Amino acid sequence: MLYGFECECGDEVDARRIAIGYQTCLRCGDVEAKQRKFLIANFNKQGYQLFSNPDDLRFTNPKRTT
């Protein structure tokens, strides 16, 4: 197996993962993916929109008073 460089945990990262843009080993990448949260909102006549911060959803209401 080809190895590129060392991950934060000390494991070596496969060169194929580095080639496609990942900088972590599989184990650390799995932990990072589980910590990430997303919110998808469906707007009328606009389709779906992805939000990484739920507070940003409050600013999409055009009739908001505060």
PDB file of N, CA and C in Angstrom:
ATOM      1  N   MET A   1       0.843  -1.183   0.000  1.00  0.00           N
ATOM      2  CA  MET A   1       0.000   0.000   0.000  1.00  0.00           C
ATOM      3  C   MET A   1       0.885   1.242   0.000  1.00  0.00           C
ATOM      4  N   LEU A   2       0.510   2.241  -0.730  1.00  0.00           N
ATOM      5  CA  LEU A   2       1.254   3.494  -0.801  1.00  0.00           C
ATOM      6  C   LEU A   2       0.837   4.409   0.343  1.00  0.00           C
ATOM      7  N   TYR A   3       1.806   5.014   0.975  1.00  0.00           N
ATOM      8  CA  TYR A   3       1.500   5.921   2.074  1.00  0.00           C
ATOM      9  C   TYR A   3       2.053   7.305   1.774  1.00  0.00           C
ATOM     10  N   GLY A   4       1.317   8.318   2.214  1.00  0.00           N
ATOM     11  CA  GLY A   4       1.713   9.687   1.972  1.00  0.00           C
ATOM     12  C   GLY A   4       2.376  10.287   3.194  1.00  0.00           C
ATOM     13  N   PHE A   5       1.602  10.734   4.153  1.00  0.00           N
ATOM     14  CA  PHE A   5       2.164  11.339   5.350  1.00  0.00           C
ATOM     15  C   PHE A   5       1.387  10.868   6.562  1.00  0.00           C
ATOM     16  N   GLU A   6       1.773  11.345   7.722  1.00  0.00           N
ATOM     17  CA  GLU A   6       1.192  10.892   8.972  1.00  0.00           C
ATOM     18  C   GLU A   6       0.003  11.758   9.369  1.00  0.00           C
ATOM     19  N   CYS A   7      -1.021  11.112   9.874  1.00  0.00           N
ATOM     20  CA  CYS A   7      -2.225  11.796  10.360  1.00  0.00           C
ATOM     21  C   CYS A   7      -1.959  12.331  11.772  1.00  0.00           C
ATOM     22  N   GLU A   8      -2.903  13.117  12.318  1.00  0.00           N
ATOM     23  CA  GLU A   8      -2.759  13.654  13.671  1.00  0.00           C
ATOM     24  C   GLU A   8      -2.670  12.560  14.729  1.00  0.00           C
ATOM     25  N   CYS A   9      -3.306  11.428  14.468  1.00  0.00           N
ATOM     26  CA  CYS A   9      -3.328  10.336  15.442  1.00  0.00           C
ATOM     27  C   CYS A   9      -2.063   9.483  15.378  1.00  0.00           C
ATOM     28  N   GLY A  10      -1.240   9.668  14.374  1.00  0.00           N
ATOM     29  CA  GLY A  10      -0.017   8.894  14.243  1.00  0.00           C
ATOM     30  C   GLY A  10      -0.070   7.836  13.153  1.00  0.00           C
ATOM     31  N   ASP A  11      -1.271   7.514  12.661  1.00  0.00           N
ATOM     32  CA  ASP A  11      -1.402   6.552  11.562  1.00  0.00           C
ATOM     33  C   ASP A  11      -0.954   7.201  10.257  1.00  0.00           C
ATOM     34  N   GLU A  12      -0.517   6.383   9.343  1.00  0.00           N
ATOM     35  CA  GLU A  12      -0.126   6.910   8.036  1.00  0.00           C
ATOM     36  C   GLU A  12      -1.349   7.017   7.138  1.00  0.00           C
ATOM     37  N   VAL A  13      -1.398   8.081   6.364  1.00  0.00           N
ATOM     38  CA  VAL A  13      -2.509   8.326   5.450  1.00  0.00           C
ATOM     39  C   VAL A  13      -2.154   7.727   4.095  1.00  0.00           C
ATOM     40  N   ASP A  14      -3.083   6.974   3.538  1.00  0.00           N
ATOM     41  CA  ASP A  14      -2.888   6.351   2.231  1.00  0.00           C
ATOM     42  C   ASP A  14      -2.733   7.435   1.160  1.00  0.00           C
ATOM     43  N   ALA A  15      -1.786   7.265   0.265  1.00  0.00           N
ATOM     44  CA  ALA A  15      -1.522   8.255  -0.787  1.00  0.00           C
ATOM     45  C   ALA A  15      -2.735   8.441  -1.696  1.00  0.00           C
ATOM     46  N   ARG A  16      -3.546   7.405  -1.851  1.00  0.00           N
ATOM     47  CA  ARG A  16      -4.748   7.541  -2.689  1.00  0.00           C
ATOM     48  C   ARG A  16      -5.761   8.481  -2.046  1.00  0.00           C
ATOM     49  N   ARG A  17      -5.839   8.491  -0.711  1.00  0.00           N
ATOM     50  CA  ARG A  17      -6.730   9.429  -0.019  1.00  0.00           C
ATOM     51  C   ARG A  17      -6.230  10.857  -0.198  1.00  0.00           C
ATOM     52  N   ILE A  18      -4.924  11.046  -0.131  1.00  0.00           N
ATOM     53  CA  ILE A  18      -4.347  12.380  -0.320  1.00  0.00           C
ATOM     54  C   ILE A  18      -4.607  12.864  -1.742  1.00  0.00           C
ATOM     55  N   ALA A  19      -4.535  11.955  -2.705  1.00  0.00           N
ATOM     56  CA  ALA A  19      -4.737  12.325  -4.110  1.00  0.00           C
ATOM     57  C   ALA A  19      -6.149  12.833  -4.374  1.00  0.00           C
ATOM     58  N   ILE A  20      -7.136  12.377  -3.594  1.00  0.00           N
ATOM     59  CA  ILE A  20      -8.508  12.840  -3.810  1.00  0.00           C
ATOM     60  C   ILE A  20      -8.911  13.946  -2.834  1.00  0.00           C
ATOM     61  N   GLY A  21      -7.941  14.438  -2.029  1.00  0.00           N
ATOM     62  CA  GLY A  21      -8.203  15.623  -1.229  1.00  0.00           C
ATOM     63  C   GLY A  21      -8.351  15.418   0.264  1.00  0.00           C
ATOM     64  N   TYR A  22      -8.300  14.189   0.763  1.00  0.00           N
ATOM     65  CA  TYR A  22      -8.414  13.956   2.205  1.00  0.00           C
ATOM     66  C   TYR A  22      -7.052  14.082   2.853  1.00  0.00           C
ATOM     67  N   GLN A  23      -7.014  14.601   4.086  1.00  0.00           N
ATOM     68  CA  GLN A  23      -5.755  14.748   4.794  1.00  0.00           C
ATOM     69  C   GLN A  23      -5.743  13.976   6.103  1.00  0.00           C
ATOM     70  N   THR A  24      -6.726  13.093   6.293  1.00  0.00           N
ATOM     71  CA  THR A  24      -6.800  12.295   7.512  1.00  0.00           C
ATOM     72  C   THR A  24      -6.896  10.821   7.152  1.00  0.00           C
ATOM     73  N   CYS A  25      -6.574   9.968   8.141  1.00  0.00           N
ATOM     74  CA  CYS A  25      -6.731   8.528   7.939  1.00  0.00           C
ATOM     75  C   CYS A  25      -8.217   8.194   8.001  1.00  0.00           C
ATOM     76  N   LEU A  26      -8.558   6.956   7.708  1.00  0.00           N
ATOM     77  CA  LEU A  26      -9.970   6.564   7.702  1.00  0.00           C
ATOM     78  C   LEU A  26     -10.606   6.726   9.075  1.00  0.00           C
ATOM     79  N   ARG A  27      -9.894   6.358  10.110  1.00  0.00           N
ATOM     80  CA  ARG A  27     -10.444   6.418  11.467  1.00  0.00           C
ATOM     81  C   ARG A  27     -10.731   7.865  11.879  1.00  0.00           C
ATOM     82  N   CYS A  28      -9.775   8.758  11.666  1.00  0.00           N
ATOM     83  CA  CYS A  28      -9.981  10.171  12.023  1.00  0.00           C
ATOM     84  C   CYS A  28     -11.036  10.823  11.123  1.00  0.00           C
ATOM     85  N   GLY A  29     -11.081  10.438   9.862  1.00  0.00           N
ATOM     86  CA  GLY A  29     -12.088  10.964   8.954  1.00  0.00           C
ATOM     87  C   GLY A  29     -13.490  10.571   9.355  1.00  0.00           C
ATOM     88  N   ASP A  30     -13.637   9.351   9.884  1.00  0.00           N
ATOM     89  CA  ASP A  30     -14.953   8.889  10.340  1.00  0.00           C
ATOM     90  C   ASP A  30     -15.402   9.683  11.562  1.00  0.00           C
ATOM     91  N   VAL A  31     -14.488   9.943  12.487  1.00  0.00           N
ATOM     92  CA  VAL A  31     -14.813  10.731  13.680  1.00  0.00           C
ATOM     93  C   VAL A  31     -15.208  12.151  13.285  1.00  0.00           C
ATOM     94  N   GLU A  32     -14.465  12.740  12.352  1.00  0.00           N
ATOM     95  CA  GLU A  32     -14.752  14.107  11.895  1.00  0.00           C
ATOM     96  C   GLU A  32     -16.108  14.190  11.198  1.00  0.00           C
ATOM     97  N   ALA A  33     -16.443  13.178  10.414  1.00  0.00           N
ATOM     98  CA  ALA A  33     -17.716  13.177   9.693  1.00  0.00           C
ATOM     99  C   ALA A  33     -18.893  13.048  10.645  1.00  0.00           C
ATOM    100  N   LYS A  34     -18.736  12.327  11.730  1.00  0.00           N
ATOM    101  CA  LYS A  34     -19.833  12.172  12.698  1.00  0.00           C
ATOM    102  C   LYS A  34     -20.074  13.440  13.494  1.00  0.00           C
ATOM    103  N   GLN A  35     -19.069  14.296  13.612  1.00  0.00           N
ATOM    104  CA  GLN A  35     -19.217  15.549  14.357  1.00  0.00           C
ATOM    105  C   GLN A  35     -19.853  16.643  13.522  1.00  0.00           C
ATOM    106  N   ARG A  36     -19.845  16.508  12.229  1.00  0.00           N
ATOM    107  CA  ARG A  36     -20.363  17.532  11.335  1.00  0.00           C
ATOM    108  C   ARG A  36     -21.878  17.407  11.225  1.00  0.00           C
ATOM    109  N   LYS A  37     -22.576  18.503  11.354  1.00  0.00           N
ATOM    110  CA  LYS A  37     -24.040  18.513  11.288  1.00  0.00           C
ATOM    111  C   LYS A  37     -24.486  19.464  10.187  1.00  0.00           C
ATOM    112  N   PHE A  38     -25.525  19.068   9.462  1.00  0.00           N
ATOM    113  CA  PHE A  38     -26.072  19.879   8.386  1.00  0.00           C
ATOM    114  C   PHE A  38     -27.577  19.947   8.513  1.00  0.00           C
ATOM    115  N   LEU A  39     -28.152  20.987   7.969  1.00  0.00           N
ATOM    116  CA  LEU A  39     -29.585  21.180   7.938  1.00  0.00           C
ATOM    117  C   LEU A  39     -29.971  21.501   6.505  1.00  0.00           C
ATOM    118  N   ILE A  40     -30.975  20.809   5.996  1.00  0.00           N
ATOM    119  CA  ILE A  40     -31.449  21.044   4.635  1.00  0.00           C
ATOM    120  C   ILE A  40     -32.857  21.615   4.720  1.00  0.00           C
ATOM    121  N   ALA A  41     -33.080  22.764   4.092  1.00  0.00           N
ATOM    122  CA  ALA A  41     -34.394  23.411   4.089  1.00  0.00           C
ATOM    123  C   ALA A  41     -34.915  23.464   2.658  1.00  0.00           C
ATOM    124  N   ASN A  42     -36.208  23.211   2.519  1.00  0.00           N
ATOM    125  CA  ASN A  42     -36.856  23.257   1.218  1.00  0.00           C
ATOM    126  C   ASN A  42     -37.656  24.550   1.135  1.00  0.00           C
ATOM    127  N   PHE A  43     -37.309  25.401   0.175  1.00  0.00           N
ATOM    128  CA  PHE A  43     -38.014  26.653  -0.013  1.00  0.00           C
ATOM    129  C   PHE A  43     -38.972  26.529  -1.190  1.00  0.00           C
ATOM    130  N   ASN A  44     -40.134  27.182  -1.068  1.00  0.00           N
ATOM    131  CA  ASN A  44     -41.148  27.146  -2.110  1.00  0.00           C
ATOM    132  C   ASN A  44     -40.601  27.758  -3.400  1.00  0.00           C
ATOM    133  N   LYS A  45     -40.668  27.035  -4.477  1.00  0.00           N
ATOM    134  CA  LYS A  45     -40.249  27.443  -5.816  1.00  0.00           C
ATOM    135  C   LYS A  45     -38.742  27.694  -5.933  1.00  0.00           C
ATOM    136  N   GLN A  46     -37.962  27.284  -4.959  1.00  0.00           N
ATOM    137  CA  GLN A  46     -36.526  27.492  -5.032  1.00  0.00           C
ATOM    138  C   GLN A  46     -35.743  26.192  -4.941  1.00  0.00           C
ATOM    139  N   GLY A  47     -36.291  25.208  -4.315  1.00  0.00           N
ATOM    140  CA  GLY A  47     -35.563  23.963  -4.140  1.00  0.00           C
ATOM    141  C   GLY A  47     -34.914  23.884  -2.772  1.00  0.00           C
ATOM    142  N   TYR A  48     -33.994  22.981  -2.636  1.00  0.00           N
ATOM    143  CA  TYR A  48     -33.349  22.721  -1.359  1.00  0.00           C
ATOM    144  C   TYR A  48     -32.120  23.592  -1.176  1.00  0.00           C
ATOM    145  N   GLN A  49     -31.851  23.941   0.095  1.00  0.00           N
ATOM    146  CA  GLN A  49     -30.685  24.719   0.429  1.00  0.00           C
ATOM    147  C   GLN A  49     -30.020  24.082   1.641  1.00  0.00           C
ATOM    148  N   LEU A  50     -28.697  23.981   1.620  1.00  0.00           N
ATOM    149  CA  LEU A  50     -27.929  23.351   2.674  1.00  0.00           C
ATOM    150  C   LEU A  50     -27.386  24.408   3.632  1.00  0.00           C
ATOM    151  N   PHE A  51     -27.598  24.188   4.931  1.00  0.00           N
ATOM    152  CA  PHE A  51     -27.102  25.092   5.967  1.00  0.00           C
ATOM    153  C   PHE A  51     -26.208  24.304   6.908  1.00  0.00           C
ATOM    154  N   SER A  52     -25.024  24.821   7.175  1.00  0.00           N
ATOM    155  CA  SER A  52     -24.158  24.184   8.152  1.00  0.00           C
ATOM    156  C   SER A  52     -24.358  24.792   9.533  1.00  0.00           C
ATOM    157  N   ASN A  53     -24.928  25.981   9.587  1.00  0.00           N
ATOM    158  CA  ASN A  53     -25.220  26.646  10.847  1.00  0.00           C
ATOM    159  C   ASN A  53     -26.725  26.885  10.916  1.00  0.00           C
ATOM    160  N   PRO A  54     -27.439  26.252  11.862  1.00  0.00           N
ATOM    161  CA  PRO A  54     -28.899  26.429  11.940  1.00  0.00           C
ATOM    162  C   PRO A  54     -29.334  27.870  12.184  1.00  0.00           C
ATOM    163  N   ASP A  55     -28.469  28.699  12.774  1.00  0.00           N
ATOM    164  CA  ASP A  55     -28.828  30.104  13.013  1.00  0.00           C
ATOM    165  C   ASP A  55     -28.978  30.877  11.703  1.00  0.00           C
ATOM    166  N   ASP A  56     -28.309  30.436  10.645  1.00  0.00           N
ATOM    167  CA  ASP A  56     -28.424  31.105   9.348  1.00  0.00           C
ATOM    168  C   ASP A  56     -29.823  30.971   8.762  1.00  0.00           C
ATOM    169  N   LEU A  57     -30.556  29.966   9.167  1.00  0.00           N
ATOM    170  CA  LEU A  57     -31.907  29.750   8.653  1.00  0.00           C
ATOM    171  C   LEU A  57     -32.851  30.877   9.074  1.00  0.00           C
ATOM    172  N   ARG A  58     -32.593  31.511  10.214  1.00  0.00           N
ATOM    173  CA  ARG A  58     -33.444  32.610  10.676  1.00  0.00           C
ATOM    174  C   ARG A  58     -33.401  33.802   9.738  1.00  0.00           C
ATOM    175  N   PHE A  59     -32.278  34.004   9.061  1.00  0.00           N
ATOM    176  CA  PHE A  59     -32.110  35.176   8.212  1.00  0.00           C
ATOM    177  C   PHE A  59     -32.695  34.990   6.814  1.00  0.00           C
ATOM    178  N   THR A  60     -33.310  33.862   6.535  1.00  0.00           N
ATOM    179  CA  THR A  60     -33.883  33.632   5.209  1.00  0.00           C
ATOM    180  C   THR A  60     -35.332  34.101   5.116  1.00  0.00           C
ATOM    181  N   ASN A  61     -35.933  34.475   6.237  1.00  0.00           N
ATOM    182  CA  ASN A  61     -37.319  34.921   6.246  1.00  0.00           C
ATOM    183  C   ASN A  61     -37.383  36.402   5.859  1.00  0.00           C
ATOM    184  N   PRO A  62     -37.976  36.742   4.699  1.00  0.00           N
ATOM    185  CA  PRO A  62     -38.017  38.153   4.277  1.00  0.00           C
ATOM    186  C   PRO A  62     -38.944  39.007   5.128  1.00  0.00           C
ATOM    187  N   LYS A  63     -39.877  38.416   5.881  1.00  0.00           N
ATOM    188  CA  LYS A  63     -40.821  39.179   6.706  1.00  0.00           C
ATOM    189  C   LYS A  63     -40.386  39.233   8.164  1.00  0.00           C
ATOM    190  N   ARG A  64     -39.125  38.934   8.414  1.00  0.00           N
ATOM    191  CA  ARG A  64     -38.581  38.937   9.761  1.00  0.00           C
ATOM    192  C   ARG A  64     -38.515  40.364  10.270  1.00  0.00           C
ATOM    193  N   THR A  65     -38.887  40.591  11.531  1.00  0.00           N
ATOM    194  CA  THR A  65     -38.908  41.947  12.084  1.00  0.00           C
ATOM    195  C   THR A  65     -37.705  42.235  12.966  1.00  0.00           C
ATOM    196  N   THR A  66     -37.007  41.208  13.464  1.00  0.00           N
ATOM    197  CA  THR A  66     -35.850  41.471  14.344  1.00  0.00           C
ATOM    198  C   THR A  66     -34.602  40.893  13.755  1.00  0.00           C
TER     199      THR A  66
END
